[in-house]
Amino acid sequence: MKIKYVFGFILLLLIADQALKFWVKTHMLLYDEIMIFKPWFRLYFIENEGMAYGAKFGEGDWAKLALTLFRLGAVIFGTFYLIRICKQKYHKGFIICAALIYAGAMGNLVDSLFYGMIFTKSHHMGPLSTAFKGGGYAGFLHGSVVDMLYFPIINIDMMPSWVPIWGGKPFTFFQPIFNIADACISVGVISILLFQHKFFHKHQVSVVEGQGEEKGKAVDEMQAIQ
């Protein structure tokens, strides 16, 4: 699979992720909700300083900085890794999955790096956040990630008391609020786990076949010399 197609695919995902985030950030107040398909799909604007799906990575500015630097390191490593697996002709499915994970990491990294500098702070009561006007709400590396995709497919007012963990409590599935970048990472990781045998078996076979061809050429050359 050609490298230019892989990075073109990543660019499309990144544009889609950032376009939706920009629109939400500049058209919705914090915690605003827009119903798309009632009742199971809606846009619900939140911001978080953690990882995918709002998971926390410690507290305070140092935790935020560490997470941003980790994302940056992962993207730098991922760039070289994607180039390598393309050149070594890994299974196309695996390359696409790796590209999805890379695009997701890049999408959230952009938020962490620049959103604090280019956007004014979002509030629940207003005014709307603006881009490239006035001072930002945080410095470089300290931006918050914008999340908005919410799929509360199942809503139960009260779970039966005998149910472990959720017994006697309200239950919603799927509760986490995420963005396109988070979805890319999840799809990429889950697909690799599900199809890893197919992805890596084919690559191992191709490597062995390639080694066999090289050995065959070496034998032919030795025979020609003799």
Protein backbone atom coordinates (compact mmCIF):
# COMPACT_ATOMS: atom_id res chain seq x y z
CA MET A 1 0.00 0.00 0.00
CA LYS A 2 1.50 3.32 -1.08
CA ILE A 3 2.53 5.75 1.64
CA LYS A 4 0.85 8.71 -0.08
CA TYR A 5 -2.54 6.96 0.05
CA VAL A 6 -2.10 6.13 3.73
CA PHE A 7 -1.30 9.70 4.70
CA GLY A 8 -4.05 10.99 2.40
CA PHE A 9 -6.50 8.79 4.32
CA ILE A 10 -5.13 10.12 7.61
CA LEU A 11 -5.49 13.71 6.38
CA LEU A 12 -9.17 13.16 5.52
CA LEU A 13 -9.87 11.74 8.98
CA LEU A 14 -7.99 14.61 10.61
CA ILE A 15 -9.93 17.22 8.63
CA ALA A 16 -13.26 15.59 9.56
CA ASP A 17 -12.28 15.45 13.24
CA GLN A 18 -11.07 19.03 13.40
CA ALA A 19 -13.94 20.45 11.34
CA LEU A 20 -16.52 18.98 13.71
CA LYS A 21 -14.57 20.16 16.76
CA PHE A 22 -14.27 23.70 15.38
CA TRP A 23 -17.98 23.82 14.63
CA VAL A 24 -18.96 22.54 18.07
CA LYS A 25 -16.52 24.84 19.83
CA THR A 26 -17.79 27.95 18.04
CA HIS A 27 -21.53 27.11 17.76
CA MET A 28 -22.38 25.40 21.05
CA LEU A 29 -22.11 26.43 24.67
CA LEU A 30 -20.45 24.05 27.08
CA TYR A 31 -22.90 21.21 27.96
CA ASP A 32 -25.24 22.21 25.13
CA GLU A 33 -27.06 19.32 23.48
CA ILE A 34 -28.36 18.89 19.94
CA MET A 35 -30.58 15.90 19.16
CA ILE A 36 -29.62 14.20 15.89
CA PHE A 37 -31.62 10.96 16.01
CA LYS A 38 -33.92 10.83 19.00
CA PRO A 39 -33.20 9.40 21.51
CA TRP A 40 -30.00 7.47 20.77
CA PHE A 41 -27.70 9.92 18.96
CA ARG A 42 -26.96 13.48 19.96
CA LEU A 43 -24.20 16.08 20.06
CA TYR A 44 -23.32 16.93 23.66
CA PHE A 45 -20.45 19.40 24.04
CA ILE A 46 -17.91 18.73 26.77
CA GLU A 47 -14.20 19.30 27.16
CA ASN A 48 -11.71 17.10 28.96
CA GLU A 49 -8.05 17.25 29.87
CA GLY A 50 -7.59 13.49 29.87
CA MET A 51 -7.41 10.62 27.44
CA ALA A 52 -9.96 9.07 25.11
CA TYR A 53 -13.56 8.95 26.41
CA GLY A 54 -12.68 11.33 29.25
CA ALA A 55 -10.33 8.94 31.07
CA LYS A 56 -8.07 10.76 33.53
CA PHE A 57 -4.27 10.85 33.49
CA GLY A 58 -3.64 12.37 36.90
CA GLU A 59 -4.53 15.86 38.07
CA GLY A 60 -3.09 19.33 37.50
CA ASP A 61 -0.96 21.04 34.86
CA TRP A 62 1.88 18.52 35.10
CA ALA A 63 -0.46 15.63 34.31
CA LYS A 64 -1.84 17.54 31.33
CA LEU A 65 1.65 18.36 30.09
CA ALA A 66 2.79 14.74 30.50
CA LEU A 67 -0.20 13.46 28.54
CA THR A 68 0.37 15.94 25.71
CA LEU A 69 4.07 15.02 25.49
CA PHE A 70 3.13 11.34 25.48
CA ARG A 71 0.73 11.96 22.58
CA LEU A 72 3.44 13.89 20.75
CA GLY A 73 5.94 11.07 21.22
CA ALA A 74 3.38 8.51 20.05
CA VAL A 75 2.67 10.51 16.88
CA ILE A 76 6.39 10.90 16.10
CA PHE A 77 6.96 7.18 16.60
CA GLY A 78 3.81 6.39 14.62
CA THR A 79 5.04 8.39 11.62
CA PHE A 80 8.18 6.28 11.26
CA TYR A 81 6.26 3.08 12.03
CA LEU A 82 3.66 3.73 9.33
CA ILE A 83 6.36 4.41 6.77
CA ARG A 84 8.14 1.18 7.73
CA ILE A 85 5.09 -1.09 7.53
CA CYS A 86 4.14 0.42 4.16
CA LYS A 87 7.61 -0.22 2.77
CA GLN A 88 7.62 -3.76 4.16
CA LYS A 89 4.20 -4.36 2.57
CA TYR A 90 2.26 -5.42 5.63
CA HIS A 91 -1.36 -6.52 5.21
CA LYS A 92 -3.48 -3.61 3.93
CA GLY A 93 -5.98 -4.14 6.72
CA PHE A 94 -3.28 -3.74 9.35
CA ILE A 95 -1.92 -0.62 7.67
CA ILE A 96 -5.42 0.91 7.62
CA CYS A 97 -5.88 0.08 11.32
CA ALA A 98 -2.51 1.63 12.16
CA ALA A 99 -3.51 4.71 10.13
CA LEU A 100 -6.78 4.98 12.09
CA ILE A 101 -4.91 4.89 15.41
CA TYR A 102 -2.39 7.43 14.13
CA ALA A 103 -5.13 9.78 12.87
CA GLY A 104 -6.91 9.55 16.22
CA ALA A 105 -3.77 10.31 18.19
CA MET A 106 -2.99 13.23 15.87
CA GLY A 107 -6.53 14.62 16.13
CA ASN A 108 -6.47 14.80 19.93
CA LEU A 109 -2.87 16.02 19.90
CA VAL A 110 -3.92 19.08 17.85
CA ASP A 111 -6.45 19.94 20.57
CA SER A 112 -3.85 19.58 23.31
CA LEU A 113 -1.20 21.57 21.50
CA PHE A 114 -3.13 24.49 20.06
CA TYR A 115 -6.75 24.82 21.25
CA GLY A 116 -5.77 26.63 24.44
CA MET A 117 -4.00 29.25 22.35
CA ILE A 118 -6.51 29.82 19.54
CA PHE A 119 -9.88 29.56 21.33
CA THR A 120 -11.44 31.62 24.08
CA LYS A 121 -12.83 29.59 26.96
CA SER A 122 -16.19 27.86 26.56
CA HIS A 123 -18.86 28.51 29.21
CA HIS A 124 -22.21 26.97 30.01
CA MET A 125 -24.01 30.33 30.19
CA GLY A 126 -22.17 32.00 27.31
CA PRO A 127 -20.82 33.74 25.38
CA LEU A 128 -19.82 31.37 22.60
CA SER A 129 -16.15 30.57 22.23
CA THR A 130 -14.33 32.33 19.40
CA ALA A 131 -11.26 31.31 17.41
CA PHE A 132 -8.24 33.50 16.74
CA LYS A 133 -9.83 36.46 18.55
CA GLY A 134 -8.41 37.73 21.80
CA GLY A 135 -6.37 35.68 24.23
CA GLY A 136 -6.68 31.93 24.48
CA TYR A 137 -7.79 30.10 27.62
CA ALA A 138 -4.50 28.21 28.12
CA GLY A 139 -0.92 28.06 26.92
CA PHE A 140 0.84 25.84 24.42
CA LEU A 141 0.51 22.09 25.28
CA HIS A 142 -2.35 22.75 27.73
CA GLY A 143 -5.44 22.74 25.51
CA SER A 144 -8.49 20.64 26.36
CA VAL A 145 -9.86 17.97 24.03
CA VAL A 146 -13.30 18.67 22.56
CA ASP A 147 -15.81 15.79 22.78
CA MET A 148 -19.34 15.74 21.42
CA LEU A 149 -20.55 12.35 20.15
CA TYR A 150 -23.06 10.79 22.55
CA PHE A 151 -24.97 7.55 21.95
CA PRO A 152 -27.23 6.76 24.94
CA ILE A 153 -28.77 3.77 23.16
CA ILE A 154 -30.18 2.13 26.30
CA ASN A 155 -31.56 4.10 29.26
CA ILE A 156 -32.82 2.35 32.40
CA ASP A 157 -34.11 4.51 35.25
CA MET A 158 -33.19 1.98 37.91
CA MET A 159 -31.38 -1.34 37.61
CA PRO A 160 -32.62 -4.27 39.75
CA SER A 161 -30.88 -4.46 43.11
CA TRP A 162 -29.45 -7.92 42.36
CA VAL A 163 -27.39 -6.68 39.36
CA PRO A 164 -23.67 -6.43 40.29
CA ILE A 165 -22.09 -2.94 40.29
CA TRP A 166 -25.12 -1.15 38.78
CA GLY A 167 -27.78 -2.58 41.09
CA GLY A 168 -30.18 0.11 42.38
CA LYS A 169 -28.65 2.77 40.11
CA PRO A 170 -29.62 4.39 36.80
CA PHE A 171 -27.92 2.77 33.80
CA THR A 172 -27.07 4.21 30.39
CA PHE A 173 -25.40 2.43 27.50
CA PHE A 174 -23.34 3.88 25.83
CA GLN A 175 -22.47 6.60 28.38
CA PRO A 176 -19.02 7.97 27.41
CA ILE A 177 -18.93 11.08 25.21
CA PHE A 178 -16.21 10.99 22.56
CA ASN A 179 -15.04 12.48 19.27
CA ILE A 180 -14.06 11.23 15.81
CA ALA A 181 -10.41 10.85 16.89
CA ASP A 182 -11.42 8.60 19.81
CA ALA A 183 -13.58 6.52 17.45
CA CYS A 184 -10.67 6.09 15.02
CA ILE A 185 -8.42 4.82 17.81
CA SER A 186 -11.06 2.41 19.09
CA VAL A 187 -11.89 1.00 15.64
CA GLY A 188 -8.20 0.57 14.84
CA VAL A 189 -7.31 -1.18 18.10
CA ILE A 190 -10.39 -3.45 18.15
CA SER A 191 -9.89 -4.44 14.50
CA ILE A 192 -6.25 -5.39 15.13
CA LEU A 193 -7.28 -7.54 18.09
CA LEU A 194 -10.03 -9.26 16.08
CA PHE A 195 -8.06 -9.86 12.90
CA GLN A 196 -4.47 -10.06 14.16
CA HIS A 197 -4.02 -13.65 12.94
CA LYS A 198 -5.03 -12.70 9.42
CA PHE A 199 -2.96 -9.52 9.41
CA PHE A 200 0.30 -10.95 10.74
CA HIS A 201 0.06 -14.46 9.26
CA LYS A 202 0.05 -13.05 5.76
CA HIS A 203 3.02 -10.82 6.52
CA GLN A 204 5.00 -13.71 8.02
CA VAL A 205 4.29 -15.84 4.94
CA SER A 206 5.39 -13.07 2.61
CA VAL A 207 8.60 -12.57 4.59
CA VAL A 208 9.39 -16.30 4.46
CA GLU A 209 8.63 -16.39 0.73
CA GLY A 210 10.85 -13.37 0.20
CA GLN A 211 13.68 -15.03 2.10
CA GLY A 212 13.19 -18.18 0.02
CA GLU A 213 13.45 -16.19 -3.20
CA GLU A 214 16.64 -14.50 -1.99
CA LYS A 215 18.16 -17.86 -1.08
CA GLY A 216 17.17 -19.23 -4.48
CA LYS A 217 18.85 -16.31 -6.24
CA ALA A 218 21.98 -16.80 -4.15
CA VAL A 219 22.11 -20.51 -5.09
CA ASP A 220 21.67 -19.69 -8.80
CA GLU A 221 24.48 -17.15 -8.60
CA MET A 222 26.80 -19.67 -6.93
CA GLN A 223 26.01 -22.26 -9.58
CA ALA A 224 26.68 -19.74 -12.32
CA ILE A 225 30.06 -18.90 -10.78
CA GLN A 226 30.99 -22.59 -10.55
